[in-house]
Amino acid sequence: MHFIKTRKYYFINKFDTNNIDKQDKHTIIILRNYTSKKVDEMLVLKIRNYCRKRSLKFYLANNIKLAIKLNLNGAYIPSFNRNLNHLTYSLKKNFDIVGSAHNLREIKNKEVQKAKKIFLSSLFKKNENYLGINRFKLI
């Protein structure tokens, strides 16, 4: 019998070793820095090196070009990002692109963006863009 290890995704906004140390080896760390326009490359490199020492994968949110430049494991595309520019970039073999979506239109957009995995957000929450159980079953 074969067991497939599922990956967990842990979103961080700042570099805190205490939170990263609590994660197991199958966790992927995603840096989501939406507070400032410019991403601090030195901070990203520091997190990348720390994650490599702990054998964790590290993704950068919303900046695929920088993730490729800094040789990260992948990139995360949030639901509000509809940009297709990254399709022209040459990606290494094991570079992953993951994304999030709230409804069917955004799911189709993430498929066009070539996201390998798509997080479905607001499945049950009654807000303006929740997916709902019936639409989820149709997918």
N, C-alpha and C. Protein backbone atom coordinates (compact mmCIF):
# COMPACT_ATOMS: atom_id res chain seq x y z
N MET A 1 0.84 -1.17 0.00
CA MET A 1 0.00 0.00 0.00
C MET A 1 0.89 1.24 0.00
N HIS A 2 0.55 2.20 -0.82
CA HIS A 2 1.32 3.44 -0.92
C HIS A 2 0.57 4.56 -0.22
N PHE A 3 1.33 5.33 0.51
CA PHE A 3 0.76 6.49 1.18
C PHE A 3 1.28 7.75 0.50
N ILE A 4 0.38 8.62 0.17
CA ILE A 4 0.76 9.88 -0.45
C ILE A 4 0.74 10.95 0.63
N LYS A 5 1.86 11.59 0.82
CA LYS A 5 1.95 12.66 1.81
C LYS A 5 1.31 13.91 1.23
N THR A 6 0.34 14.44 1.92
CA THR A 6 -0.28 15.67 1.46
C THR A 6 0.50 16.85 2.04
N ARG A 7 0.58 17.88 1.27
CA ARG A 7 1.30 19.07 1.69
C ARG A 7 0.36 20.01 2.41
N LYS A 8 0.91 20.68 3.41
CA LYS A 8 0.18 21.74 4.09
C LYS A 8 0.80 23.06 3.65
N TYR A 9 0.00 24.08 3.59
CA TYR A 9 0.46 25.40 3.20
C TYR A 9 0.31 26.33 4.39
N TYR A 10 1.38 27.05 4.69
CA TYR A 10 1.39 27.96 5.84
C TYR A 10 1.74 29.35 5.33
N PHE A 11 0.80 30.29 5.48
CA PHE A 11 0.98 31.65 5.00
C PHE A 11 1.60 32.50 6.11
N ILE A 12 2.65 33.25 5.74
CA ILE A 12 3.28 34.16 6.70
C ILE A 12 3.30 35.56 6.10
N ASN A 13 3.28 36.56 6.97
CA ASN A 13 3.38 37.96 6.54
C ASN A 13 4.74 38.55 6.90
N LYS A 14 5.42 37.93 7.85
CA LYS A 14 6.73 38.40 8.28
C LYS A 14 7.57 37.20 8.68
N PHE A 15 8.86 37.41 8.79
CA PHE A 15 9.79 36.34 9.11
C PHE A 15 9.82 36.13 10.62
N ASP A 16 9.25 35.02 11.06
CA ASP A 16 9.23 34.66 12.47
C ASP A 16 9.65 33.20 12.58
N THR A 17 10.83 32.95 13.11
CA THR A 17 11.35 31.57 13.15
C THR A 17 10.54 30.67 14.06
N ASN A 18 9.90 31.24 15.07
CA ASN A 18 9.10 30.42 16.00
C ASN A 18 7.95 29.73 15.27
N ASN A 19 7.26 30.46 14.39
CA ASN A 19 6.13 29.86 13.66
C ASN A 19 6.62 28.87 12.61
N ILE A 20 7.73 29.16 11.96
CA ILE A 20 8.24 28.26 10.94
C ILE A 20 8.77 26.98 11.57
N ASP A 21 9.38 27.08 12.74
CA ASP A 21 9.92 25.90 13.43
C ASP A 21 8.82 24.92 13.84
N LYS A 22 7.62 25.39 14.02
CA LYS A 22 6.50 24.52 14.44
C LYS A 22 5.95 23.68 13.29
N GLN A 23 6.35 23.98 12.06
CA GLN A 23 5.81 23.28 10.89
C GLN A 23 6.60 22.00 10.64
N ASP A 24 5.91 20.98 10.11
CA ASP A 24 6.61 19.74 9.80
C ASP A 24 7.22 19.81 8.40
N LYS A 25 7.91 18.75 7.99
CA LYS A 25 8.68 18.75 6.74
C LYS A 25 7.82 18.81 5.49
N HIS A 26 6.55 18.54 5.60
CA HIS A 26 5.67 18.53 4.44
C HIS A 26 4.89 19.83 4.28
N THR A 27 5.31 20.86 5.00
CA THR A 27 4.64 22.15 4.94
C THR A 27 5.35 23.05 3.94
N ILE A 28 4.57 23.78 3.17
CA ILE A 28 5.10 24.77 2.24
C ILE A 28 4.82 26.14 2.83
N ILE A 29 5.87 26.93 2.97
CA ILE A 29 5.76 28.28 3.53
C ILE A 29 5.52 29.26 2.38
N ILE A 30 4.50 30.10 2.51
CA ILE A 30 4.19 31.10 1.50
C ILE A 30 4.25 32.48 2.14
N LEU A 31 5.14 33.33 1.61
CA LEU A 31 5.26 34.70 2.10
C LEU A 31 4.26 35.58 1.36
N ARG A 32 3.31 36.11 2.12
CA ARG A 32 2.29 37.01 1.57
C ARG A 32 2.55 38.39 2.13
N ASN A 33 3.23 39.22 1.36
CA ASN A 33 3.57 40.56 1.83
C ASN A 33 2.75 41.58 1.05
N TYR A 34 1.54 41.84 1.49
CA TYR A 34 0.65 42.77 0.81
C TYR A 34 0.68 44.16 1.43
N THR A 35 1.47 44.36 2.48
CA THR A 35 1.46 45.64 3.17
C THR A 35 2.26 46.70 2.42
N SER A 36 3.27 46.29 1.66
CA SER A 36 4.07 47.26 0.93
C SER A 36 4.12 46.88 -0.54
N LYS A 37 4.32 47.87 -1.39
CA LYS A 37 4.39 47.63 -2.83
C LYS A 37 5.66 46.88 -3.22
N LYS A 38 6.79 47.25 -2.62
CA LYS A 38 8.08 46.67 -2.96
C LYS A 38 8.40 45.53 -2.01
N VAL A 39 8.82 44.41 -2.59
CA VAL A 39 9.19 43.25 -1.78
C VAL A 39 10.67 43.38 -1.43
N ASP A 40 10.99 43.16 -0.17
CA ASP A 40 12.36 43.23 0.30
C ASP A 40 13.09 41.93 -0.09
N GLU A 41 13.98 42.01 -1.08
CA GLU A 41 14.67 40.82 -1.57
C GLU A 41 15.53 40.17 -0.49
N MET A 42 16.14 40.98 0.36
CA MET A 42 17.00 40.43 1.42
C MET A 42 16.17 39.61 2.41
N LEU A 43 14.97 40.08 2.71
CA LEU A 43 14.08 39.32 3.59
C LEU A 43 13.68 38.01 2.94
N VAL A 44 13.36 38.05 1.66
CA VAL A 44 12.98 36.82 0.95
C VAL A 44 14.14 35.84 0.93
N LEU A 45 15.35 36.32 0.69
CA LEU A 45 16.52 35.45 0.70
C LEU A 45 16.78 34.85 2.08
N LYS A 46 16.55 35.64 3.12
CA LYS A 46 16.74 35.16 4.48
C LYS A 46 15.74 34.03 4.79
N ILE A 47 14.48 34.23 4.40
CA ILE A 47 13.47 33.20 4.62
C ILE A 47 13.78 31.96 3.78
N ARG A 48 14.19 32.17 2.52
CA ARG A 48 14.52 31.04 1.65
C ARG A 48 15.64 30.19 2.24
N ASN A 49 16.69 30.83 2.71
CA ASN A 49 17.81 30.10 3.29
C ASN A 49 17.42 29.37 4.57
N TYR A 50 16.58 30.00 5.37
CA TYR A 50 16.12 29.36 6.60
C TYR A 50 15.25 28.14 6.28
N CYS A 51 14.38 28.28 5.27
CA CYS A 51 13.53 27.16 4.88
C CYS A 51 14.36 26.02 4.29
N ARG A 52 15.39 26.35 3.54
CA ARG A 52 16.25 25.30 2.98
C ARG A 52 16.97 24.53 4.07
N LYS A 53 17.40 25.24 5.12
CA LYS A 53 18.06 24.55 6.24
C LYS A 53 17.11 23.57 6.92
N ARG A 54 15.83 23.93 6.95
CA ARG A 54 14.83 23.08 7.60
C ARG A 54 14.14 22.12 6.62
N SER A 55 14.58 22.09 5.37
CA SER A 55 14.03 21.23 4.31
C SER A 55 12.56 21.52 4.02
N LEU A 56 12.21 22.79 4.03
CA LEU A 56 10.86 23.22 3.72
C LEU A 56 10.85 23.90 2.36
N LYS A 57 9.75 23.77 1.65
CA LYS A 57 9.60 24.51 0.40
C LYS A 57 9.11 25.91 0.72
N PHE A 58 9.51 26.87 -0.13
CA PHE A 58 9.18 28.27 0.11
C PHE A 58 8.66 28.89 -1.18
N TYR A 59 7.46 29.48 -1.11
CA TYR A 59 6.83 30.16 -2.24
C TYR A 59 6.68 31.64 -1.92
N LEU A 60 6.68 32.44 -2.97
CA LEU A 60 6.46 33.88 -2.82
C LEU A 60 5.12 34.22 -3.46
N ALA A 61 4.35 35.04 -2.78
CA ALA A 61 3.02 35.40 -3.28
C ALA A 61 3.10 36.60 -4.21
N ASN A 62 2.39 36.50 -5.31
CA ASN A 62 2.09 37.63 -6.19
C ASN A 62 3.31 38.25 -6.87
N ASN A 63 4.42 37.51 -6.98
CA ASN A 63 5.61 38.03 -7.65
C ASN A 63 6.39 36.86 -8.24
N ILE A 64 5.92 36.36 -9.37
CA ILE A 64 6.53 35.18 -9.98
C ILE A 64 7.91 35.48 -10.51
N LYS A 65 8.10 36.66 -11.07
CA LYS A 65 9.39 37.03 -11.63
C LYS A 65 10.49 37.01 -10.56
N LEU A 66 10.20 37.54 -9.39
CA LEU A 66 11.17 37.54 -8.30
C LEU A 66 11.39 36.13 -7.76
N ALA A 67 10.34 35.33 -7.72
CA ALA A 67 10.47 33.94 -7.26
C ALA A 67 11.40 33.15 -8.18
N ILE A 68 11.31 33.39 -9.48
CA ILE A 68 12.19 32.73 -10.43
C ILE A 68 13.62 33.24 -10.25
N LYS A 69 13.76 34.55 -10.12
CA LYS A 69 15.08 35.17 -9.99
C LYS A 69 15.82 34.66 -8.76
N LEU A 70 15.11 34.50 -7.64
CA LEU A 70 15.73 34.07 -6.39
C LEU A 70 15.76 32.56 -6.22
N ASN A 71 15.35 31.84 -7.26
CA ASN A 71 15.40 30.38 -7.26
C ASN A 71 14.58 29.76 -6.13
N LEU A 72 13.34 30.23 -5.99
CA LEU A 72 12.44 29.68 -4.98
C LEU A 72 11.77 28.43 -5.54
N ASN A 73 11.05 27.72 -4.68
CA ASN A 73 10.38 26.49 -5.10
C ASN A 73 9.11 26.73 -5.90
N GLY A 74 8.53 27.92 -5.76
CA GLY A 74 7.30 28.19 -6.48
C GLY A 74 6.76 29.57 -6.17
N ALA A 75 5.55 29.80 -6.68
CA ALA A 75 4.90 31.08 -6.48
C ALA A 75 3.41 30.85 -6.24
N TYR A 76 2.81 31.78 -5.52
CA TYR A 76 1.38 31.74 -5.20
C TYR A 76 0.72 32.94 -5.88
N ILE A 77 -0.35 32.67 -6.63
CA ILE A 77 -1.09 33.73 -7.30
C ILE A 77 -2.43 33.89 -6.59
N PRO A 78 -2.66 35.03 -5.93
CA PRO A 78 -3.94 35.22 -5.24
C PRO A 78 -5.09 35.39 -6.23
N SER A 79 -6.28 35.33 -5.73
CA SER A 79 -7.46 35.35 -6.59
C SER A 79 -7.62 36.67 -7.34
N PHE A 80 -7.16 37.77 -6.77
CA PHE A 80 -7.33 39.06 -7.44
C PHE A 80 -6.33 39.28 -8.57
N ASN A 81 -5.31 38.44 -8.69
CA ASN A 81 -4.30 38.59 -9.73
C ASN A 81 -4.77 37.85 -10.98
N ARG A 82 -5.05 38.59 -12.04
CA ARG A 82 -5.50 37.99 -13.30
C ARG A 82 -4.44 38.11 -14.39
N ASN A 83 -3.23 38.45 -14.00
CA ASN A 83 -2.13 38.69 -14.92
C ASN A 83 -1.66 37.39 -15.58
N LEU A 84 -1.35 37.44 -16.87
CA LEU A 84 -0.88 36.28 -17.61
C LEU A 84 0.57 36.43 -18.08
N ASN A 85 1.27 37.44 -17.60
CA ASN A 85 2.64 37.69 -18.06
C ASN A 85 3.59 36.54 -17.73
N HIS A 86 3.35 35.83 -16.64
CA HIS A 86 4.27 34.78 -16.25
C HIS A 86 4.28 33.60 -17.23
N LEU A 87 3.31 33.52 -18.12
CA LEU A 87 3.28 32.43 -19.08
C LEU A 87 4.42 32.53 -20.09
N THR A 88 5.01 33.71 -20.22
CA THR A 88 6.13 33.89 -21.15
C THR A 88 7.47 33.58 -20.49
N TYR A 89 7.51 33.44 -19.18
CA TYR A 89 8.76 33.16 -18.48
C TYR A 89 9.14 31.70 -18.66
N SER A 90 10.43 31.43 -18.67
CA SER A 90 10.88 30.03 -18.70
C SER A 90 11.03 29.57 -17.25
N LEU A 91 10.30 28.53 -16.92
CA LEU A 91 10.29 28.02 -15.56
C LEU A 91 11.12 26.75 -15.48
N LYS A 92 11.76 26.55 -14.32
CA LYS A 92 12.49 25.30 -14.15
C LYS A 92 11.49 24.17 -13.92
N LYS A 93 11.98 22.96 -14.03
CA LYS A 93 11.11 21.78 -14.05
C LYS A 93 10.25 21.65 -12.79
N ASN A 94 10.82 21.87 -11.63
CA ASN A 94 10.07 21.66 -10.39
C ASN A 94 9.58 22.96 -9.76
N PHE A 95 9.38 24.00 -10.55
CA PHE A 95 8.81 25.26 -10.07
C PHE A 95 7.29 25.14 -10.12
N ASP A 96 6.65 25.30 -8.98
CA ASP A 96 5.20 25.14 -8.88
C ASP A 96 4.51 26.50 -8.82
N ILE A 97 3.35 26.56 -9.44
CA ILE A 97 2.50 27.73 -9.34
C ILE A 97 1.18 27.28 -8.74
N VAL A 98 0.81 27.88 -7.62
CA VAL A 98 -0.46 27.59 -6.97
C VAL A 98 -1.26 28.88 -6.92
N GLY A 99 -2.57 28.75 -6.83
CA GLY A 99 -3.42 29.93 -6.81
C GLY A 99 -4.64 29.71 -5.93
N SER A 100 -5.39 30.78 -5.74
CA SER A 100 -6.63 30.67 -4.98
C SER A 100 -7.76 31.26 -5.81
N ALA A 101 -8.96 30.76 -5.54
CA ALA A 101 -10.13 31.20 -6.29
C ALA A 101 -11.34 31.17 -5.37
N HIS A 102 -12.31 32.04 -5.69
CA HIS A 102 -13.53 32.13 -4.90
C HIS A 102 -14.77 31.67 -5.66
N ASN A 103 -14.70 31.66 -6.96
CA ASN A 103 -15.87 31.28 -7.75
C ASN A 103 -15.41 30.60 -9.03
N LEU A 104 -16.34 30.17 -9.85
CA LEU A 104 -16.03 29.41 -11.05
C LEU A 104 -15.22 30.22 -12.06
N ARG A 105 -15.52 31.50 -12.19
CA ARG A 105 -14.76 32.35 -13.12
C ARG A 105 -13.29 32.44 -12.72
N GLU A 106 -13.03 32.58 -11.44
CA GLU A 106 -11.65 32.65 -10.95
C GLU A 106 -10.95 31.29 -11.07
N ILE A 107 -11.70 30.21 -10.92
CA ILE A 107 -11.11 28.88 -11.11
C ILE A 107 -10.65 28.71 -12.55
N LYS A 108 -11.48 29.12 -13.49
CA LYS A 108 -11.10 29.05 -14.91
C LYS A 108 -9.89 29.93 -15.18
N ASN A 109 -9.83 31.10 -14.56
CA ASN A 109 -8.69 32.00 -14.73
C ASN A 109 -7.41 31.35 -14.21
N LYS A 110 -7.48 30.67 -13.07
CA LYS A 110 -6.29 29.99 -12.52
C LYS A 110 -5.86 28.83 -13.42
N GLU A 111 -6.80 28.19 -14.08
CA GLU A 111 -6.44 27.14 -15.03
C GLU A 111 -5.71 27.74 -16.23
N VAL A 112 -6.15 28.90 -16.71
CA VAL A 112 -5.46 29.59 -17.81
C VAL A 112 -4.07 30.03 -17.36
N GLN A 113 -3.93 30.43 -16.09
CA GLN A 113 -2.64 30.84 -15.56
C GLN A 113 -1.72 29.65 -15.27
N LYS A 114 -2.17 28.44 -15.55
CA LYS A 114 -1.39 27.21 -15.39
C LYS A 114 -1.03 26.93 -13.93
N ALA A 115 -1.96 27.19 -13.02
CA ALA A 115 -1.74 26.87 -11.62
C ALA A 115 -1.88 25.35 -11.44
N LYS A 116 -0.90 24.74 -10.77
CA LYS A 116 -0.93 23.29 -10.57
C LYS A 116 -1.94 22.91 -9.50
N LYS A 117 -2.11 23.77 -8.51
CA LYS A 117 -3.09 23.55 -7.44
C LYS A 117 -3.86 24.84 -7.24
N ILE A 118 -5.15 24.69 -6.93
CA ILE A 118 -6.02 25.84 -6.71
C ILE A 118 -6.69 25.69 -5.36
N PHE A 119 -6.54 26.68 -4.51
CA PHE A 119 -7.22 26.71 -3.22
C PHE A 119 -8.61 27.30 -3.43
N LEU A 120 -9.62 26.62 -2.95
CA LEU A 120 -10.98 27.15 -3.01
C LEU A 120 -11.28 27.85 -1.69
N SER A 121 -11.60 29.11 -1.79
CA SER A 121 -11.84 29.90 -0.60
C SER A 121 -13.32 30.25 -0.51
N SER A 122 -13.78 30.40 0.69
CA SER A 122 -15.17 30.75 0.97
C SER A 122 -16.13 29.73 0.36
N LEU A 123 -15.97 28.50 0.77
CA LEU A 123 -16.84 27.45 0.27
C LEU A 123 -18.23 27.54 0.92
N PHE A 124 -18.29 27.83 2.22
CA PHE A 124 -19.55 27.84 2.93
C PHE A 124 -19.95 29.21 3.47
N LYS A 125 -18.99 30.12 3.59
CA LYS A 125 -19.27 31.41 4.19
C LYS A 125 -20.22 32.21 3.30
N LYS A 126 -21.21 32.78 3.87
CA LYS A 126 -22.23 33.51 3.11
C LYS A 126 -21.78 34.96 2.86
N ASN A 127 -20.84 35.14 1.96
CA ASN A 127 -20.47 36.49 1.54
C ASN A 127 -20.75 36.61 0.06
N GLU A 128 -20.40 37.71 -0.54
CA GLU A 128 -20.80 37.97 -1.93
C GLU A 128 -20.16 37.04 -2.94
N ASN A 129 -19.02 36.42 -2.61
CA ASN A 129 -18.36 35.59 -3.62
C ASN A 129 -18.11 34.16 -3.15
N TYR A 130 -18.94 33.63 -2.26
CA TYR A 130 -18.71 32.26 -1.81
C TYR A 130 -19.16 31.28 -2.89
N LEU A 131 -18.54 30.11 -2.89
CA LEU A 131 -18.80 29.12 -3.93
C LEU A 131 -20.06 28.31 -3.64
N GLY A 132 -20.20 27.81 -2.45
CA GLY A 132 -21.37 27.02 -2.09
C GLY A 132 -21.19 25.55 -2.41
N ILE A 133 -21.89 24.70 -1.69
CA ILE A 133 -21.71 23.25 -1.82
C ILE A 133 -22.23 22.74 -3.15
N ASN A 134 -23.33 23.29 -3.67
CA ASN A 134 -23.89 22.79 -4.92
C ASN A 134 -22.99 23.12 -6.12
N ARG A 135 -22.47 24.33 -6.17
CA ARG A 135 -21.55 24.68 -7.25
C ARG A 135 -20.24 23.92 -7.11
N PHE A 136 -19.83 23.65 -5.88
CA PHE A 136 -18.62 22.85 -5.66
C PHE A 136 -18.80 21.44 -6.20
N LYS A 137 -19.98 20.85 -6.00
CA LYS A 137 -20.24 19.50 -6.50
C LYS A 137 -20.26 19.47 -8.03
N LEU A 138 -20.70 20.55 -8.66
CA LEU A 138 -20.73 20.61 -10.11
C LEU A 138 -19.34 20.65 -10.73
N ILE A 139 -18.40 21.19 -9.99
CA ILE A 139 -17.02 21.27 -10.50
C ILE A 139 -16.47 19.87 -10.56
